[in-house]
Structures are given as C-alpha cells and as structure tokens.
Amino acid sequence: MSAKRKIRVATRPSLLAHTQTMQTVELLQNANPNVEFEVIKFSTQGDRVLNRSLTEFGSTGLFVKELEHALLEGEADIAVHSLKDVPSFHPAGLKLVAFPEREDVRDVFLSRDGSTLDQMHEGFVLGTGSPRRRVQLAAQRPDTIFKEIRGNIDTRMQKLMDGEYDAIILAAAGMNRMGKEFHENLLLDVDQCIPAIGQGAIAIECRDNDMDTIAIAEKVNHEPTRLAILAERAFMAEIEGGCKFPLAAHAVVGDNKLTMIAIVGDLKTNQFIVEQIEVAVSEGLTKSKELAKQMKETCQAKRINFYL
C-alpha cells in the first residue's frame, strides 16, 4: 500500500488566519481523502508590527510575503490567504488556483451599548484603520471621530468594551468564522458600506508548475466566487490601488450576469465617487478594467486625488 501524498499548507499564526486555514483544509481533505495535509505557521510583517497603521507601510503584501516565500523556497506546497490581503500582482512562479465559496461580505458595526450607526451620539469615536470605511461612514455621519485600531477580533472587541472607542467595525466573515454572534441589525448593507476587494473570500495559492497540487486545490473551487473576485481584482489592478486610499469593489455573479459596485476616494477630503455596472459574465474582466479607467478619469476631472 502506497503512502499518502502529503501537502504542506502555509498559514499565518493569528487565530483567525489559522482557524480559516483549518476550515479550508477540512474542505480540501473531504475533496481529497487520499491526501494528508500538514499545516505550518509562518509569521508575516503584518502580524509582527501592530503599533503602526497599515496605511503607513510603504508596500503591499504585508500579510502574504512570507507565505509566498515559503512556497517559492519549497517549504510549503500551498498557502491559504484572506483574499483581501493579497496584492493585485504577486511573484512570478506563483498562482492563485482556487477560491472556496465566499462568506458574508458585509461589515458589522459594533457599539458598546448595541446602538446602530444612526443611533450613535454626536461626535462618537469609531475605531477603524480602513480608508474605505472612513470615507463611507463619514458621508453618513460627518460628526464621527475616527481613531486607528489594530489587533485581532478579540483584542478589538476588548478595546471597545474598555472604553477606548464608542464603536468599531469588523468584517462579518471573520466574525462568522470565529463563531462570534452579533445581531442582524448591526450588519452594514453593501450599498451602505461597499466591502473591500476580495472581502469574505479565501484564496489558495500554489507554485504555477505544481500541477498535481493545483489539481488537488481546484477541487474546492467555487466558480461564482472565482468569477466575482477576479472581476474585483481586475478593477484593483487597473486602479493600481492598495490599502492607502479609499478603494472598494464588490461583484456578484448570477443568471450569467456580473454586477459590480465600486468606490474610489480621497481620504484627505473625504470625497469619493461610486459607480456600478451590470454585464455578461464573459465580459466581466474587460468591463471591470474599463470601469476602473472611467473612474480614474472622473476623479481627475473632479480633482479627487486618490493616490495621496
């Protein structure tokens, strides 16, 4: 009897990253019962440096570079990422090969007393380090005082309870994966706060010449999710954006149609523009890039300098 093939899976060490990796490994194991999976933790720069805002870093890929290095050096066979952390361009020799079904893409507004955004007192302190959240929430509540926040879900929730903030915003996907309960009325609808590109999605990355491993990973791919997030990432690549300015796009695939809503803005002035398209799925990538070009031109005309 031949030994089982072993696949080494790279993950970040944080509780959420490790938890969602184990959930992904369970999907992989069910789809590949004759394969053994070993999970290996690799600490990233984003995990180690918690006293700086993400927008202060001079590069992207803060949560993926070390995992990608492990793939390239043969220390791991696949890496499991939160897709929203993965830059639009990644190293030669690697490939995003599978995307399991997406979780809830929405954000959750959490306050100490359970108040919703509309119910918060004037001048409340909101903890978020996300430019796209800041401009969208500032448009709805201009009196909001924004304060930087870092750390895992439990750390942020504890800071809220300790009174450092009156409210915080977390991704519903992370809350759900960690089994954290919250009331449905605390969810922010997509048109109220457009999610980050790739939010709620998991990406499995491999070496692009490792066909056996790619075939194993592809068994857990969810095609509607893949089509939607590739359109979002095509938009991001054309905009050439990261986490330094307000940028968001959310695509949905159904009935052979792709609908996408996107936002680009200026954190210094809180100005932003929002556009939406509905196209045939086959035109998703092309039309997403065209939308990005159109929005860049609109920003230029309105003097919205989103690169600052």
Protein backbone atom coordinates (compact mmCIF):
# COMPACT_ATOMS: atom_id res chain seq x y z
CA MET A 1 0.00 0.00 0.00
CA SER A 2 1.49 3.32 -1.09
CA ALA A 3 1.91 6.19 1.38
CA LYS A 4 -0.47 9.11 1.24
CA ARG A 5 0.64 12.22 -0.61
CA LYS A 6 1.41 14.98 1.92
CA ILE A 7 0.57 18.62 1.20
CA ARG A 8 2.18 21.26 3.41
CA VAL A 9 -0.16 24.20 3.99
CA ALA A 10 1.25 27.62 4.91
CA THR A 11 -0.80 29.90 7.15
CA ARG A 12 -0.36 32.98 9.27
CA PRO A 13 -0.23 32.31 13.04
CA SER A 14 -3.13 34.57 14.07
CA LEU A 15 -6.16 32.81 15.50
CA LEU A 16 -8.45 33.93 12.65
CA ALA A 17 -5.94 33.05 9.93
CA HIS A 18 -5.25 29.64 11.46
CA THR A 19 -8.96 28.98 12.02
CA GLN A 20 -9.94 29.77 8.43
CA THR A 21 -6.97 27.74 7.17
CA MET A 22 -8.17 24.73 9.16
CA GLN A 23 -11.66 25.22 7.75
CA THR A 24 -10.17 25.30 4.25
CA VAL A 25 -8.06 22.22 4.97
CA GLU A 26 -11.23 20.42 6.03
CA LEU A 27 -12.75 21.21 2.62
CA LEU A 28 -9.58 20.02 0.92
CA GLN A 29 -9.47 16.84 3.00
CA ASN A 30 -13.10 15.98 2.20
CA ALA A 31 -12.44 16.52 -1.50
CA ASN A 32 -9.12 14.62 -1.40
CA PRO A 33 -9.47 11.73 1.11
CA ASN A 34 -6.23 10.09 -0.06
CA VAL A 35 -4.12 13.17 0.66
CA GLU A 36 -2.56 14.14 4.00
CA PHE A 37 -2.42 17.85 4.91
CA GLU A 38 0.11 19.38 7.31
CA VAL A 39 -0.44 22.99 8.46
CA ILE A 40 2.67 25.13 9.05
CA LYS A 41 2.59 28.64 10.58
CA PHE A 42 4.68 31.47 9.13
CA SER A 43 4.68 34.87 10.83
CA THR A 44 4.31 37.87 8.48
CA GLN A 45 5.35 41.50 8.82
CA GLY A 46 1.71 42.48 9.27
CA ASP A 47 1.45 40.07 12.21
CA ARG A 48 4.60 41.32 13.90
CA VAL A 49 4.19 45.10 13.58
CA LEU A 50 1.00 46.09 15.40
CA ASN A 51 1.88 49.62 16.51
CA ARG A 52 1.58 51.19 13.06
CA SER A 53 -1.37 51.87 10.80
CA LEU A 54 -1.50 49.66 7.70
CA THR A 55 -1.52 52.81 5.55
CA GLU A 56 1.91 53.80 6.96
CA PHE A 57 3.68 50.83 5.39
CA GLY A 58 5.44 51.55 2.12
CA SER A 59 4.49 48.30 0.44
CA THR A 60 1.61 45.89 -0.01
CA GLY A 61 1.50 42.20 0.76
CA LEU A 62 2.17 42.66 4.49
CA PHE A 63 0.23 39.51 5.30
CA VAL A 64 1.33 37.29 2.40
CA LYS A 65 5.00 37.77 1.51
CA GLU A 66 6.43 35.29 4.00
CA LEU A 67 3.89 32.67 2.94
CA GLU A 68 4.75 33.20 -0.71
CA HIS A 69 8.45 32.96 0.14
CA ALA A 70 7.76 29.58 1.77
CA LEU A 71 6.11 28.40 -1.47
CA LEU A 72 8.97 29.60 -3.65
CA GLU A 73 11.57 28.03 -1.35
CA GLY A 74 9.75 24.69 -1.27
CA GLU A 75 8.94 24.96 2.44
CA ALA A 76 5.20 24.66 1.71
CA ASP A 77 3.03 23.45 -1.17
CA ILE A 78 0.01 25.70 -0.81
CA ALA A 79 -0.76 28.90 1.08
CA VAL A 80 -4.17 29.93 2.37
CA HIS A 81 -4.85 33.68 2.33
CA SER A 82 -7.64 36.08 3.13
CA LEU A 83 -8.04 37.34 -0.41
CA LYS A 84 -8.42 40.96 0.65
CA ASP A 85 -4.79 40.81 1.88
CA VAL A 86 -3.41 39.62 -1.48
CA PRO A 87 -1.99 42.36 -3.78
CA SER A 88 -3.15 42.51 -7.39
CA PHE A 89 0.33 41.49 -8.57
CA HIS A 90 2.20 38.59 -7.00
CA PRO A 91 5.58 36.91 -7.57
CA ALA A 92 6.50 35.06 -10.74
CA GLY A 93 6.18 31.33 -10.28
CA LEU A 94 3.08 31.50 -8.10
CA LYS A 95 -0.62 31.35 -8.93
CA LEU A 96 -3.96 31.76 -7.16
CA VAL A 97 -5.64 28.49 -8.10
CA ALA A 98 -8.83 28.05 -6.06
CA PHE A 99 -11.42 30.08 -4.20
CA PRO A 100 -13.87 28.27 -1.87
CA GLU A 101 -17.40 29.65 -1.59
CA ARG A 102 -17.37 33.19 -0.25
CA GLU A 103 -18.52 34.12 3.26
CA ASP A 104 -20.72 37.14 4.09
CA VAL A 105 -19.02 40.19 2.53
CA ARG A 106 -20.60 42.82 4.76
CA ASP A 107 -19.16 44.84 7.63
CA VAL A 108 -20.50 44.75 11.19
CA PHE A 109 -20.96 47.95 13.22
CA LEU A 110 -20.36 47.15 16.89
CA SER A 111 -21.01 49.61 19.73
CA ARG A 112 -20.74 49.17 23.48
CA ASP A 113 -24.47 49.62 24.07
CA GLY A 114 -25.73 47.96 20.88
CA SER A 115 -26.62 51.24 19.15
CA THR A 116 -26.65 51.26 15.36
CA LEU A 117 -24.76 53.86 13.30
CA ASP A 118 -27.84 56.10 13.12
CA GLN A 119 -28.41 55.86 16.87
CA MET A 120 -24.89 56.82 17.97
CA HIS A 121 -24.42 60.05 19.93
CA GLU A 122 -22.88 63.08 18.26
CA GLY A 123 -19.10 63.03 17.99
CA PHE A 124 -18.72 59.33 18.81
CA VAL A 125 -15.28 57.69 18.48
CA LEU A 126 -15.12 54.97 15.82
CA GLY A 127 -12.21 52.55 15.70
CA THR A 128 -11.11 51.70 12.16
CA GLY A 129 -7.88 51.81 10.16
CA SER A 130 -9.66 51.35 6.83
CA PRO A 131 -9.75 54.34 4.44
CA ARG A 132 -12.71 52.89 2.51
CA ARG A 133 -14.72 52.52 5.71
CA ARG A 134 -13.79 56.01 6.86
CA VAL A 135 -14.99 57.90 3.79
CA GLN A 136 -18.22 55.94 3.51
CA LEU A 137 -19.11 56.28 7.19
CA ALA A 138 -18.08 59.95 7.25
CA ALA A 139 -20.58 60.64 4.47
CA GLN A 140 -23.36 59.20 6.64
CA ARG A 141 -22.15 60.56 9.97
CA PRO A 142 -19.88 63.60 9.40
CA ASP A 143 -19.61 64.08 13.17
CA THR A 144 -17.71 60.80 13.58
CA ILE A 145 -14.27 60.96 15.22
CA PHE A 146 -12.09 58.27 13.66
CA LYS A 147 -9.35 56.57 15.67
CA GLU A 148 -6.84 53.99 14.44
CA ILE A 149 -7.23 50.42 15.68
CA ARG A 150 -5.15 47.26 15.15
CA GLY A 151 -5.21 43.74 16.56
CA ASN A 152 -7.28 40.59 16.25
CA ILE A 153 -11.05 40.37 16.72
CA ASP A 154 -10.91 39.68 20.46
CA THR A 155 -8.37 42.46 21.05
CA ARG A 156 -10.51 44.98 19.18
CA MET A 157 -13.69 43.93 20.96
CA GLN A 158 -11.94 44.21 24.33
CA LYS A 159 -10.72 47.73 23.47
CA LEU A 160 -14.32 48.62 22.67
CA MET A 161 -15.56 47.24 26.00
CA ASP A 162 -12.72 49.04 27.83
CA GLY A 163 -13.98 52.37 26.51
CA GLU A 164 -11.16 53.22 24.10
CA TYR A 165 -13.79 53.50 21.37
CA ASP A 166 -17.54 54.06 21.26
CA ALA A 167 -17.84 51.72 18.26
CA ILE A 168 -15.71 49.60 15.94
CA ILE A 169 -16.24 47.95 12.56
CA LEU A 170 -15.32 44.34 11.84
CA ALA A 171 -15.82 42.07 8.83
CA ALA A 172 -18.78 39.74 9.18
CA ALA A 173 -16.76 36.96 7.52
CA GLY A 174 -14.18 36.93 10.30
CA MET A 175 -16.85 37.09 12.98
CA ASN A 176 -18.69 34.16 11.44
CA ARG A 177 -15.55 32.06 11.00
CA MET A 178 -14.67 32.63 14.65
CA GLY A 179 -18.17 31.81 15.84
CA LYS A 180 -18.84 35.32 17.18
CA GLU A 181 -22.52 36.15 17.47
CA PHE A 182 -23.98 39.56 16.62
CA HIS A 183 -27.42 40.96 15.90
CA GLU A 184 -28.53 41.10 12.28
CA ASN A 185 -29.34 44.81 12.51
CA LEU A 186 -25.65 45.60 13.09
CA LEU A 187 -24.73 44.49 9.57
CA LEU A 188 -23.98 47.32 7.13
CA ASP A 189 -25.58 46.68 3.74
CA VAL A 190 -23.28 46.64 0.74
CA ASP A 191 -24.73 49.90 -0.59
CA GLN A 192 -24.16 51.48 2.84
CA CYS A 193 -20.52 50.38 3.11
CA ILE A 194 -19.06 48.76 -0.01
CA PRO A 195 -16.77 45.90 1.08
CA ALA A 196 -13.04 45.63 0.48
CA ILE A 197 -11.97 43.90 -2.71
CA GLY A 198 -11.94 40.17 -2.00
CA GLN A 199 -13.63 40.57 1.40
CA GLY A 200 -15.08 37.32 2.70
CA ALA A 201 -13.12 35.22 0.17
CA ILE A 202 -10.30 32.73 0.72
CA ALA A 203 -7.57 32.22 -1.87
CA ILE A 204 -5.42 29.11 -2.26
CA GLU A 205 -2.02 29.81 -3.80
CA CYS A 206 0.44 27.29 -5.31
CA ARG A 207 3.55 27.18 -7.43
CA ASP A 208 2.32 27.56 -11.00
CA ASN A 209 4.21 24.48 -12.24
CA ASP A 210 2.99 22.13 -9.49
CA MET A 211 0.16 20.59 -11.48
CA ASP A 212 -0.58 17.79 -9.01
CA THR A 213 -1.10 20.21 -6.13
CA ILE A 214 -3.11 22.57 -8.32
CA ALA A 215 -5.45 19.71 -9.23
CA ILE A 216 -5.92 18.93 -5.52
CA ALA A 217 -6.69 22.57 -4.66
CA GLU A 218 -9.04 23.14 -7.58
CA LYS A 219 -11.47 20.57 -6.21
CA VAL A 220 -12.70 23.11 -3.64
CA ASN A 221 -13.06 25.99 -6.09
CA HIS A 222 -16.47 27.75 -6.17
CA GLU A 223 -16.92 29.11 -9.69
CA PRO A 224 -19.32 32.02 -8.97
CA THR A 225 -16.93 33.20 -6.26
CA ARG A 226 -13.94 32.88 -8.62
CA LEU A 227 -15.63 34.89 -11.37
CA ALA A 228 -16.73 37.63 -8.97
CA ILE A 229 -13.40 38.12 -7.23
CA LEU A 230 -11.39 38.01 -10.47
CA ALA A 231 -13.51 40.91 -11.70
CA GLU A 232 -12.88 42.81 -8.45
CA ARG A 233 -9.14 42.16 -8.70
CA ALA A 234 -9.06 43.23 -12.36
CA PHE A 235 -10.60 46.52 -11.23
CA MET A 236 -7.99 46.84 -8.45
CA ALA A 237 -5.08 46.10 -10.78
CA GLU A 238 -6.24 48.77 -13.25
CA ILE A 239 -6.69 51.34 -10.46
CA GLU A 240 -3.27 50.27 -9.12
CA GLY A 241 -4.54 50.50 -5.59
CA GLY A 242 -3.80 49.04 -2.20
CA CYS A 243 -4.79 49.99 1.33
CA LYS A 244 -3.52 53.58 1.29
CA PHE A 245 -6.61 55.24 -0.16
CA PRO A 246 -10.36 54.58 -0.16
CA LEU A 247 -10.94 51.79 -2.66
CA ALA A 248 -13.61 49.11 -2.74
CA ALA A 249 -15.40 46.89 -5.24
CA HIS A 250 -17.93 44.13 -4.82
CA ALA A 251 -19.10 41.82 -7.59
CA VAL A 252 -21.92 39.28 -7.65
CA VAL A 253 -22.45 36.59 -10.30
CA GLY A 254 -25.85 35.13 -11.14
CA ASP A 255 -28.02 34.30 -14.17
CA ASN A 256 -24.96 34.72 -16.39
CA LYS A 257 -24.67 38.35 -15.27
CA LEU A 258 -21.97 40.08 -13.27
CA THR A 259 -22.96 43.11 -11.21
CA MET A 260 -20.27 45.22 -9.58
CA ILE A 261 -20.35 48.34 -7.44
CA ALA A 262 -17.12 50.24 -6.79
CA ILE A 263 -15.83 53.26 -4.91
CA VAL A 264 -12.68 55.38 -5.21
CA GLY A 265 -11.97 58.37 -3.00
CA ASP A 266 -9.61 60.80 -1.28
CA LEU A 267 -9.01 60.28 2.44
CA LYS A 268 -7.80 63.86 2.92
CA THR A 269 -11.02 65.44 1.69
CA ASN A 270 -13.46 62.51 2.15
CA GLN A 271 -14.55 63.00 -1.45
CA PHE A 272 -15.39 59.83 -3.36
CA ILE A 273 -17.26 58.54 -6.39
CA VAL A 274 -19.37 55.40 -6.72
CA GLU A 275 -20.20 53.59 -9.95
CA GLN A 276 -21.99 50.35 -10.81
CA ILE A 277 -22.06 48.03 -13.84
CA GLU A 278 -24.11 45.02 -14.89
CA VAL A 279 -22.58 42.98 -17.72
CA ALA A 280 -22.46 39.47 -19.13
CA VAL A 281 -20.15 37.22 -17.11
CA SER A 282 -17.99 36.70 -20.19
CA GLU A 283 -17.29 40.46 -20.25
CA GLY A 284 -16.59 40.73 -16.52
CA LEU A 285 -12.82 41.23 -16.64
CA THR A 286 -12.87 43.61 -19.61
CA LYS A 287 -15.70 45.76 -18.27
CA SER A 288 -14.16 45.85 -14.78
CA LYS A 289 -10.96 47.29 -16.22
CA GLU A 290 -12.96 49.79 -18.29
CA LEU A 291 -14.84 50.85 -15.16
CA ALA A 292 -11.54 51.48 -13.38
CA LYS A 293 -10.26 53.63 -16.25
CA GLN A 294 -13.52 55.57 -16.32
CA MET A 295 -13.42 56.19 -12.57
CA LYS A 296 -9.81 57.37 -12.73
CA GLU A 297 -10.81 59.89 -15.41
CA THR A 298 -13.76 61.06 -13.31
CA CYS A 299 -11.51 61.51 -10.28
CA GLN A 300 -9.08 63.54 -12.35
CA ALA A 301 -11.90 65.75 -13.65
CA LYS A 302 -13.23 66.30 -10.12
CA ARG A 303 -9.72 66.73 -8.67
CA ILE A 304 -10.13 63.77 -6.37
CA ASN A 305 -6.53 62.75 -5.74
CA PHE A 306 -6.94 59.17 -4.51
CA TYR A 307 -3.21 58.34 -4.76
CA LEU A 308 -2.28 60.51 -1.79
